[in-house]
Amino acid sequence: MYGDCYKISVNGDEVYPENVKNFRDSSDQLNGNECGVDDLIEEYLNRNDVFQALRVDLMKNNNQPFKICRNVSEYQADYSFKTNLPYILSHFIYRQNDMKILILNGDVDLVYNHIGVERFLNGINGVKNNLDFSTIKGAGHWIGLDRPMQSLQIMYNFMNDQNYRYLQD
């Protein structure tokens, strides 16, 4: 999901670099990517093997495929973050299935300041040991664009219950 925006198939068989954009502000050694791959992301996240790997069979059983919210401004998400996160943490499905949540912030994110997010998370009553918060140095609001390798490493460590401080092979 964090590769350059080549014209590729979901399984990665075909690569055509004619659509590559050069984003000079990105730290990605391959010149970054544009966030215009919504269809590929939806197709990938709706694959059965991905559903199983992410353990989201509950969503699949209700015939609710993953959809990117195109009509909602990301800047309107403030209400849902503050309202929905405590609801999710206290929901019986979350608690019964021992689910966990990772919240990532870039330390130079101007939309959601990492100090404000950390203070908000510290003020939530409920399940704290299943809620992880991490900051990626040098990343702004689009963490995967600004620091793709570090983002992937933190997600890998999160999914494999490994310490965030150490890189893994």
N, C-alpha and C. Protein backbone atom coordinates (compact mmCIF):
# COMPACT_ATOMS: atom_id res chain seq x y z
N MET A 1 0.81 -1.19 0.00
CA MET A 1 0.00 0.00 0.00
C MET A 1 0.85 1.25 0.00
N TYR A 2 2.09 1.18 0.43
CA TYR A 2 2.91 2.37 0.53
C TYR A 2 3.93 2.47 -0.58
N GLY A 3 3.75 1.70 -1.67
CA GLY A 3 4.66 1.79 -2.78
C GLY A 3 4.32 2.97 -3.67
N ASP A 4 5.20 3.23 -4.65
CA ASP A 4 4.92 4.31 -5.59
C ASP A 4 3.66 4.00 -6.36
N CYS A 5 3.02 5.04 -6.89
CA CYS A 5 1.76 4.86 -7.60
C CYS A 5 2.01 4.41 -9.03
N TYR A 6 2.60 3.27 -9.18
CA TYR A 6 2.71 2.68 -10.50
C TYR A 6 1.36 2.10 -10.86
N LYS A 7 1.16 1.87 -12.13
CA LYS A 7 -0.07 1.23 -12.59
C LYS A 7 0.14 -0.27 -12.41
N ILE A 8 -0.30 -0.80 -11.27
CA ILE A 8 -0.02 -2.20 -10.96
C ILE A 8 -1.30 -2.96 -10.69
N SER A 9 -1.21 -4.25 -10.83
CA SER A 9 -2.33 -5.09 -10.44
C SER A 9 -2.20 -5.35 -8.94
N VAL A 10 -3.27 -5.81 -8.32
CA VAL A 10 -3.27 -6.02 -6.88
C VAL A 10 -2.26 -7.09 -6.49
N ASN A 11 -2.08 -8.11 -7.32
CA ASN A 11 -1.13 -9.17 -6.97
C ASN A 11 0.29 -8.82 -7.39
N GLY A 12 0.49 -7.65 -8.00
CA GLY A 12 1.83 -7.17 -8.30
C GLY A 12 2.45 -7.73 -9.56
N ASP A 13 1.67 -8.35 -10.45
CA ASP A 13 2.23 -8.95 -11.66
C ASP A 13 2.76 -7.93 -12.66
N GLU A 14 2.06 -6.83 -12.84
CA GLU A 14 2.44 -5.87 -13.88
C GLU A 14 2.88 -4.56 -13.25
N VAL A 15 3.98 -4.02 -13.73
CA VAL A 15 4.45 -2.73 -13.22
C VAL A 15 4.74 -1.81 -14.40
N TYR A 16 4.08 -0.66 -14.41
CA TYR A 16 4.28 0.34 -15.45
C TYR A 16 4.59 1.67 -14.79
N PRO A 17 5.84 2.12 -14.80
CA PRO A 17 6.21 3.32 -14.05
C PRO A 17 5.86 4.64 -14.72
N GLU A 18 5.05 4.66 -15.78
CA GLU A 18 4.77 5.93 -16.45
C GLU A 18 3.92 6.88 -15.61
N ASN A 19 3.26 6.38 -14.57
CA ASN A 19 2.42 7.24 -13.74
C ASN A 19 3.13 7.73 -12.48
N VAL A 20 4.42 7.51 -12.39
CA VAL A 20 5.15 7.90 -11.19
C VAL A 20 5.21 9.42 -11.09
N LYS A 21 4.97 9.91 -9.88
CA LYS A 21 5.07 11.34 -9.60
C LYS A 21 6.32 11.56 -8.75
N ASN A 22 6.92 12.72 -8.87
CA ASN A 22 8.09 13.03 -8.06
C ASN A 22 7.69 13.99 -6.96
N PHE A 23 7.63 13.49 -5.73
CA PHE A 23 7.29 14.31 -4.58
C PHE A 23 8.58 14.59 -3.82
N ARG A 24 9.17 15.75 -4.06
CA ARG A 24 10.49 16.08 -3.51
C ARG A 24 10.49 16.18 -1.99
N ASP A 25 9.35 16.46 -1.38
CA ASP A 25 9.31 16.61 0.07
C ASP A 25 9.24 15.27 0.79
N SER A 26 9.08 14.18 0.07
CA SER A 26 8.98 12.87 0.69
C SER A 26 10.37 12.35 1.03
N SER A 27 10.47 11.60 2.11
CA SER A 27 11.75 10.99 2.48
C SER A 27 11.92 9.63 1.80
N ASP A 28 10.93 9.22 1.03
CA ASP A 28 11.00 7.94 0.33
C ASP A 28 12.07 8.02 -0.74
N GLN A 29 12.98 7.05 -0.74
CA GLN A 29 14.07 7.06 -1.71
C GLN A 29 13.59 6.88 -3.15
N LEU A 30 12.35 6.48 -3.33
CA LEU A 30 11.81 6.30 -4.67
C LEU A 30 10.92 7.47 -5.08
N ASN A 31 11.10 8.63 -4.45
CA ASN A 31 10.42 9.88 -4.77
C ASN A 31 8.97 9.95 -4.32
N GLY A 32 8.55 9.10 -3.43
CA GLY A 32 7.21 9.22 -2.85
C GLY A 32 6.11 8.75 -3.78
N ASN A 33 4.88 8.96 -3.34
CA ASN A 33 3.73 8.55 -4.13
C ASN A 33 2.57 9.49 -3.90
N GLU A 34 1.68 9.51 -4.84
CA GLU A 34 0.47 10.31 -4.71
C GLU A 34 -0.60 9.43 -4.08
N CYS A 35 -1.47 10.01 -3.28
CA CYS A 35 -2.50 9.22 -2.61
C CYS A 35 -3.71 9.05 -3.52
N GLY A 36 -3.54 8.40 -4.63
CA GLY A 36 -4.64 8.22 -5.56
C GLY A 36 -4.89 6.77 -5.88
N VAL A 37 -4.62 5.89 -4.95
CA VAL A 37 -4.75 4.46 -5.23
C VAL A 37 -5.90 3.86 -4.43
N ASP A 38 -6.96 4.63 -4.23
CA ASP A 38 -8.09 4.16 -3.42
C ASP A 38 -8.67 2.85 -3.93
N ASP A 39 -8.83 2.74 -5.25
CA ASP A 39 -9.43 1.52 -5.81
C ASP A 39 -8.57 0.30 -5.52
N LEU A 40 -7.25 0.45 -5.68
CA LEU A 40 -6.36 -0.68 -5.40
C LEU A 40 -6.38 -1.04 -3.92
N ILE A 41 -6.43 -0.03 -3.07
CA ILE A 41 -6.47 -0.29 -1.63
C ILE A 41 -7.75 -1.03 -1.26
N GLU A 42 -8.89 -0.57 -1.80
CA GLU A 42 -10.16 -1.25 -1.51
C GLU A 42 -10.14 -2.68 -2.01
N GLU A 43 -9.65 -2.87 -3.23
CA GLU A 43 -9.60 -4.22 -3.80
C GLU A 43 -8.71 -5.13 -2.95
N TYR A 44 -7.56 -4.61 -2.55
CA TYR A 44 -6.63 -5.40 -1.74
C TYR A 44 -7.23 -5.73 -0.38
N LEU A 45 -7.78 -4.73 0.30
CA LEU A 45 -8.30 -4.95 1.65
C LEU A 45 -9.58 -5.79 1.68
N ASN A 46 -10.22 -5.99 0.53
CA ASN A 46 -11.41 -6.84 0.47
C ASN A 46 -11.11 -8.27 0.04
N ARG A 47 -9.83 -8.59 -0.17
CA ARG A 47 -9.47 -9.96 -0.50
C ARG A 47 -9.66 -10.85 0.73
N ASN A 48 -10.10 -12.09 0.51
CA ASN A 48 -10.34 -13.01 1.62
C ASN A 48 -9.09 -13.27 2.46
N ASP A 49 -7.93 -13.44 1.80
CA ASP A 49 -6.71 -13.72 2.56
C ASP A 49 -6.32 -12.53 3.44
N VAL A 50 -6.60 -11.31 2.98
CA VAL A 50 -6.30 -10.13 3.78
C VAL A 50 -7.26 -10.03 4.96
N PHE A 51 -8.55 -10.32 4.70
CA PHE A 51 -9.53 -10.34 5.79
C PHE A 51 -9.11 -11.33 6.87
N GLN A 52 -8.66 -12.50 6.45
CA GLN A 52 -8.24 -13.52 7.42
C GLN A 52 -6.99 -13.08 8.17
N ALA A 53 -6.02 -12.51 7.45
CA ALA A 53 -4.78 -12.08 8.09
C ALA A 53 -5.02 -10.96 9.10
N LEU A 54 -5.95 -10.07 8.79
CA LEU A 54 -6.27 -8.96 9.70
C LEU A 54 -7.34 -9.33 10.72
N ARG A 55 -7.85 -10.55 10.62
CA ARG A 55 -8.87 -11.06 11.55
C ARG A 55 -10.12 -10.17 11.57
N VAL A 56 -10.62 -9.85 10.40
CA VAL A 56 -11.83 -9.02 10.33
C VAL A 56 -12.98 -9.79 9.71
N ASP A 57 -13.11 -11.07 10.07
CA ASP A 57 -14.20 -11.89 9.52
C ASP A 57 -15.55 -11.35 9.95
N LEU A 58 -15.63 -10.64 11.06
CA LEU A 58 -16.91 -10.09 11.52
C LEU A 58 -17.49 -9.16 10.46
N MET A 59 -16.64 -8.32 9.87
CA MET A 59 -17.09 -7.39 8.84
C MET A 59 -17.54 -8.16 7.59
N LYS A 60 -16.78 -9.18 7.21
CA LYS A 60 -17.08 -9.95 6.01
C LYS A 60 -18.40 -10.71 6.18
N ASN A 61 -18.65 -11.24 7.39
CA ASN A 61 -19.89 -11.98 7.64
C ASN A 61 -21.12 -11.09 7.51
N ASN A 62 -20.97 -9.82 7.78
CA ASN A 62 -22.09 -8.88 7.65
C ASN A 62 -22.20 -8.30 6.24
N ASN A 63 -21.43 -8.86 5.32
CA ASN A 63 -21.42 -8.39 3.93
C ASN A 63 -21.17 -6.89 3.83
N GLN A 64 -20.25 -6.40 4.63
CA GLN A 64 -19.87 -5.00 4.58
C GLN A 64 -18.42 -4.91 4.15
N PRO A 65 -18.18 -4.74 2.86
CA PRO A 65 -16.79 -4.66 2.40
C PRO A 65 -16.13 -3.37 2.86
N PHE A 66 -14.81 -3.39 2.86
CA PHE A 66 -14.06 -2.19 3.21
C PHE A 66 -14.30 -1.13 2.13
N LYS A 67 -14.60 0.07 2.55
CA LYS A 67 -14.80 1.20 1.63
C LYS A 67 -14.04 2.40 2.17
N ILE A 68 -13.38 3.12 1.30
CA ILE A 68 -12.74 4.37 1.69
C ILE A 68 -13.79 5.46 1.68
N CYS A 69 -13.85 6.23 2.75
CA CYS A 69 -14.84 7.31 2.86
C CYS A 69 -14.41 8.49 2.01
N ARG A 70 -14.93 8.56 0.82
CA ARG A 70 -14.51 9.62 -0.10
C ARG A 70 -15.25 10.93 0.14
N ASN A 71 -16.42 10.89 0.74
CA ASN A 71 -17.23 12.10 0.87
C ASN A 71 -17.03 12.81 2.20
N VAL A 72 -16.18 12.27 3.04
CA VAL A 72 -15.97 12.88 4.35
C VAL A 72 -14.59 13.51 4.37
N SER A 73 -14.54 14.77 4.69
CA SER A 73 -13.26 15.45 4.77
C SER A 73 -12.46 14.88 5.93
N GLU A 74 -11.17 14.66 5.71
CA GLU A 74 -10.34 14.13 6.79
C GLU A 74 -10.30 15.09 7.97
N TYR A 75 -10.53 16.35 7.71
CA TYR A 75 -10.47 17.34 8.79
C TYR A 75 -11.75 17.36 9.61
N GLN A 76 -12.79 16.67 9.16
CA GLN A 76 -14.00 16.52 9.95
C GLN A 76 -13.91 15.30 10.86
N ALA A 77 -12.83 14.57 10.78
CA ALA A 77 -12.69 13.32 11.54
C ALA A 77 -12.46 13.57 13.02
N ASP A 78 -12.21 14.81 13.41
CA ASP A 78 -11.94 15.12 14.81
C ASP A 78 -13.07 14.63 15.71
N TYR A 79 -14.32 14.88 15.30
CA TYR A 79 -15.45 14.44 16.12
C TYR A 79 -15.50 12.92 16.22
N SER A 80 -15.21 12.22 15.15
CA SER A 80 -15.32 10.77 15.20
C SER A 80 -14.19 10.15 16.01
N PHE A 81 -13.01 10.74 15.96
CA PHE A 81 -11.90 10.22 16.75
C PHE A 81 -12.20 10.35 18.23
N LYS A 82 -12.65 11.52 18.64
CA LYS A 82 -12.93 11.75 20.06
C LYS A 82 -14.17 11.01 20.54
N THR A 83 -15.13 10.82 19.66
CA THR A 83 -16.37 10.16 20.05
C THR A 83 -16.29 8.65 19.87
N ASN A 84 -15.78 8.22 18.73
CA ASN A 84 -15.83 6.80 18.39
C ASN A 84 -14.77 5.95 19.08
N LEU A 85 -13.59 6.50 19.34
CA LEU A 85 -12.55 5.68 19.96
C LEU A 85 -12.96 5.18 21.34
N PRO A 86 -13.47 6.02 22.24
CA PRO A 86 -13.93 5.48 23.53
C PRO A 86 -15.06 4.46 23.37
N TYR A 87 -15.93 4.67 22.38
CA TYR A 87 -17.01 3.71 22.12
C TYR A 87 -16.44 2.37 21.67
N ILE A 88 -15.48 2.41 20.75
CA ILE A 88 -14.87 1.17 20.26
C ILE A 88 -14.18 0.44 21.41
N LEU A 89 -13.43 1.17 22.22
CA LEU A 89 -12.69 0.55 23.32
C LEU A 89 -13.61 -0.11 24.35
N SER A 90 -14.81 0.42 24.50
CA SER A 90 -15.73 -0.15 25.48
C SER A 90 -16.70 -1.16 24.87
N HIS A 91 -16.67 -1.35 23.55
CA HIS A 91 -17.60 -2.25 22.88
C HIS A 91 -17.29 -3.71 23.22
N PHE A 92 -18.33 -4.51 23.37
CA PHE A 92 -18.15 -5.91 23.79
C PHE A 92 -17.38 -6.72 22.76
N ILE A 93 -17.53 -6.45 21.46
CA ILE A 93 -16.79 -7.22 20.45
C ILE A 93 -15.29 -6.95 20.59
N TYR A 94 -14.93 -5.70 20.82
CA TYR A 94 -13.53 -5.33 21.02
C TYR A 94 -12.96 -6.04 22.25
N ARG A 95 -13.71 -6.01 23.33
CA ARG A 95 -13.22 -6.59 24.59
C ARG A 95 -13.20 -8.12 24.55
N GLN A 96 -14.25 -8.74 24.00
CA GLN A 96 -14.33 -10.20 23.99
C GLN A 96 -13.28 -10.83 23.09
N ASN A 97 -12.90 -10.14 22.02
CA ASN A 97 -11.96 -10.72 21.06
C ASN A 97 -10.52 -10.28 21.31
N ASP A 98 -10.27 -9.64 22.42
CA ASP A 98 -8.92 -9.21 22.78
C ASP A 98 -8.26 -8.44 21.63
N MET A 99 -9.02 -7.54 21.03
CA MET A 99 -8.51 -6.74 19.92
C MET A 99 -7.58 -5.66 20.45
N LYS A 100 -6.78 -5.13 19.56
CA LYS A 100 -5.88 -4.05 19.94
C LYS A 100 -5.86 -3.00 18.84
N ILE A 101 -5.50 -1.79 19.21
CA ILE A 101 -5.51 -0.66 18.28
C ILE A 101 -4.16 0.03 18.35
N LEU A 102 -3.62 0.38 17.18
CA LEU A 102 -2.39 1.15 17.09
C LEU A 102 -2.74 2.53 16.55
N ILE A 103 -2.34 3.56 17.25
CA ILE A 103 -2.53 4.93 16.78
C ILE A 103 -1.16 5.51 16.52
N LEU A 104 -0.93 5.90 15.26
CA LEU A 104 0.35 6.47 14.84
C LEU A 104 0.19 7.96 14.62
N ASN A 105 1.19 8.70 15.00
CA ASN A 105 1.24 10.14 14.77
C ASN A 105 2.61 10.51 14.24
N GLY A 106 2.64 11.42 13.30
CA GLY A 106 3.90 12.01 12.91
C GLY A 106 4.23 13.13 13.88
N ASP A 107 5.50 13.29 14.21
CA ASP A 107 5.83 14.33 15.20
C ASP A 107 5.75 15.74 14.61
N VAL A 108 5.61 15.84 13.29
CA VAL A 108 5.41 17.16 12.67
C VAL A 108 4.04 17.24 11.99
N ASP A 109 3.09 16.43 12.46
CA ASP A 109 1.72 16.45 11.95
C ASP A 109 1.04 17.74 12.41
N LEU A 110 0.63 18.57 11.46
CA LEU A 110 -0.02 19.83 11.80
C LEU A 110 -1.53 19.69 11.89
N VAL A 111 -2.09 18.54 11.49
CA VAL A 111 -3.53 18.33 11.57
C VAL A 111 -3.89 17.78 12.94
N TYR A 112 -3.22 16.71 13.35
CA TYR A 112 -3.42 16.12 14.68
C TYR A 112 -2.08 16.14 15.41
N ASN A 113 -1.87 17.14 16.21
CA ASN A 113 -0.64 17.30 16.97
C ASN A 113 -0.44 16.11 17.89
N HIS A 114 0.74 15.51 17.87
CA HIS A 114 0.97 14.28 18.64
C HIS A 114 0.85 14.49 20.14
N ILE A 115 1.14 15.68 20.62
CA ILE A 115 0.99 15.94 22.06
C ILE A 115 -0.49 15.97 22.44
N GLY A 116 -1.31 16.61 21.61
CA GLY A 116 -2.75 16.65 21.87
C GLY A 116 -3.38 15.27 21.80
N VAL A 117 -2.96 14.46 20.83
CA VAL A 117 -3.48 13.09 20.71
C VAL A 117 -3.08 12.27 21.93
N GLU A 118 -1.83 12.41 22.35
CA GLU A 118 -1.37 11.66 23.53
C GLU A 118 -2.14 12.07 24.78
N ARG A 119 -2.40 13.35 24.95
CA ARG A 119 -3.18 13.81 26.11
C ARG A 119 -4.60 13.27 26.05
N PHE A 120 -5.20 13.28 24.84
CA PHE A 120 -6.55 12.73 24.69
C PHE A 120 -6.57 11.25 25.07
N LEU A 121 -5.60 10.49 24.57
CA LEU A 121 -5.56 9.05 24.85
C LEU A 121 -5.34 8.78 26.34
N ASN A 122 -4.53 9.60 26.99
CA ASN A 122 -4.30 9.43 28.43
C ASN A 122 -5.56 9.71 29.23
N GLY A 123 -6.48 10.50 28.67
CA GLY A 123 -7.71 10.83 29.38
C GLY A 123 -8.84 9.85 29.19
N ILE A 124 -8.64 8.84 28.33
CA ILE A 124 -9.70 7.86 28.07
C ILE A 124 -9.72 6.83 29.20
N ASN A 125 -10.90 6.58 29.73
CA ASN A 125 -11.07 5.51 30.71
C ASN A 125 -11.39 4.23 29.96
N GLY A 126 -10.80 3.14 30.34
CA GLY A 126 -11.11 1.88 29.68
C GLY A 126 -9.88 1.04 29.46
N VAL A 127 -9.89 0.31 28.36
CA VAL A 127 -8.84 -0.66 28.07
C VAL A 127 -7.59 0.06 27.59
N LYS A 128 -6.58 0.13 28.43
CA LYS A 128 -5.34 0.83 28.07
C LYS A 128 -4.30 -0.14 27.50
N ASN A 129 -4.29 -1.38 27.99
CA ASN A 129 -3.24 -2.29 27.55
C ASN A 129 -3.45 -2.80 26.13
N ASN A 130 -4.57 -2.55 25.51
CA ASN A 130 -4.78 -2.94 24.12
C ASN A 130 -4.75 -1.75 23.18
N LEU A 131 -4.30 -0.61 23.68
CA LEU A 131 -4.23 0.61 22.89
C LEU A 131 -2.79 1.08 22.86
N ASP A 132 -2.18 1.04 21.66
CA ASP A 132 -0.79 1.47 21.51
C ASP A 132 -0.75 2.81 20.80
N PHE A 133 0.16 3.66 21.22
CA PHE A 133 0.37 4.96 20.61
C PHE A 133 1.84 5.11 20.29
N SER A 134 2.14 5.51 19.06
CA SER A 134 3.53 5.68 18.66
C SER A 134 3.66 6.92 17.79
N THR A 135 4.81 7.56 17.89
CA THR A 135 5.11 8.74 17.08
C THR A 135 6.27 8.41 16.16
N ILE A 136 6.13 8.80 14.90
CA ILE A 136 7.20 8.58 13.93
C ILE A 136 7.91 9.91 13.70
N LYS A 137 9.18 9.95 14.00
CA LYS A 137 9.98 11.17 13.86
C LYS A 137 10.08 11.58 12.40
N GLY A 138 9.83 12.85 12.14
CA GLY A 138 9.97 13.39 10.79
C GLY A 138 8.76 13.17 9.90
N ALA A 139 7.71 12.56 10.41
CA ALA A 139 6.52 12.32 9.60
C ALA A 139 5.47 13.38 9.89
N GLY A 140 4.77 13.77 8.84
CA GLY A 140 3.66 14.70 8.99
C GLY A 140 2.35 13.94 9.09
N HIS A 141 1.30 14.52 8.50
CA HIS A 141 -0.03 13.91 8.59
C HIS A 141 -0.10 12.61 7.80
N TRP A 142 0.58 12.54 6.66
CA TRP A 142 0.56 11.34 5.82
C TRP A 142 1.79 10.50 6.17
N ILE A 143 1.71 9.76 7.25
CA ILE A 143 2.85 9.02 7.78
C ILE A 143 3.42 8.04 6.75
N GLY A 144 2.56 7.31 6.08
CA GLY A 144 3.01 6.33 5.10
C GLY A 144 3.72 6.96 3.91
N LEU A 145 3.38 8.18 3.59
CA LEU A 145 4.04 8.90 2.50
C LEU A 145 5.37 9.47 2.97
N ASP A 146 5.38 10.04 4.16
CA ASP A 146 6.58 10.70 4.66
C ASP A 146 7.65 9.72 5.12
N ARG A 147 7.24 8.66 5.79
CA ARG A 147 8.18 7.68 6.34
C ARG A 147 7.64 6.26 6.11
N PRO A 148 7.66 5.80 4.85
CA PRO A 148 7.06 4.49 4.54
C PRO A 148 7.75 3.32 5.24
N MET A 149 9.08 3.33 5.29
CA MET A 149 9.78 2.20 5.89
C MET A 149 9.50 2.13 7.39
N GLN A 150 9.55 3.28 8.05
CA GLN A 150 9.31 3.31 9.49
C GLN A 150 7.86 2.94 9.80
N SER A 151 6.92 3.40 8.98
CA SER A 151 5.51 3.06 9.18
C SER A 151 5.29 1.56 9.07
N LEU A 152 5.85 0.99 8.03
CA LEU A 152 5.70 -0.45 7.82
C LEU A 152 6.33 -1.24 8.97
N GLN A 153 7.49 -0.78 9.44
CA GLN A 153 8.16 -1.48 10.54
C GLN A 153 7.32 -1.44 11.81
N ILE A 154 6.76 -0.28 12.12
CA ILE A 154 5.93 -0.17 13.33
C ILE A 154 4.69 -1.05 13.21
N MET A 155 4.05 -1.06 12.03
CA MET A 155 2.87 -1.91 11.84
C MET A 155 3.24 -3.39 11.93
N TYR A 156 4.39 -3.75 11.36
CA TYR A 156 4.85 -5.14 11.45
C TYR A 156 5.06 -5.53 12.92
N ASN A 157 5.74 -4.67 13.67
CA ASN A 157 5.98 -4.96 15.08
C ASN A 157 4.68 -5.03 15.86
N PHE A 158 3.73 -4.16 15.54
CA PHE A 158 2.42 -4.17 16.20
C PHE A 158 1.69 -5.48 15.93
N MET A 159 1.65 -5.89 14.67
CA MET A 159 0.93 -7.11 14.30
C MET A 159 1.59 -8.37 14.88
N ASN A 160 2.89 -8.30 15.14
CA ASN A 160 3.62 -9.45 15.66
C ASN A 160 3.98 -9.33 17.13
N ASP A 161 3.34 -8.39 17.83
CA ASP A 161 3.56 -8.19 19.27
C ASP A 161 5.03 -8.04 19.62
N GLN A 162 5.75 -7.24 18.83
CA GLN A 162 7.17 -7.00 19.09
C GLN A 162 7.38 -5.56 19.55
N ASN A 163 8.48 -5.34 20.24
CA ASN A 163 8.82 -4.02 20.75
C ASN A 163 9.02 -3.05 19.59
N TYR A 164 8.51 -1.84 19.72
CA TYR A 164 8.62 -0.84 18.65
C TYR A 164 10.03 -0.25 18.53
N ARG A 165 10.84 -0.40 19.53
CA ARG A 165 12.16 0.23 19.51
C ARG A 165 13.16 -0.47 18.61
N TYR A 166 12.94 -1.73 18.33
CA TYR A 166 13.95 -2.51 17.62
C TYR A 166 13.48 -2.90 16.23
N LEU A 167 14.37 -2.76 15.26
CA LEU A 167 14.06 -3.21 13.91
C LEU A 167 14.20 -4.71 13.83
N GLN A 168 13.34 -5.32 13.02
CA GLN A 168 13.37 -6.77 12.86
C GLN A 168 13.80 -7.11 11.44
N ASP A 169 14.34 -8.30 11.25
CA ASP A 169 14.72 -8.75 9.90
C ASP A 169 13.50 -9.08 9.10
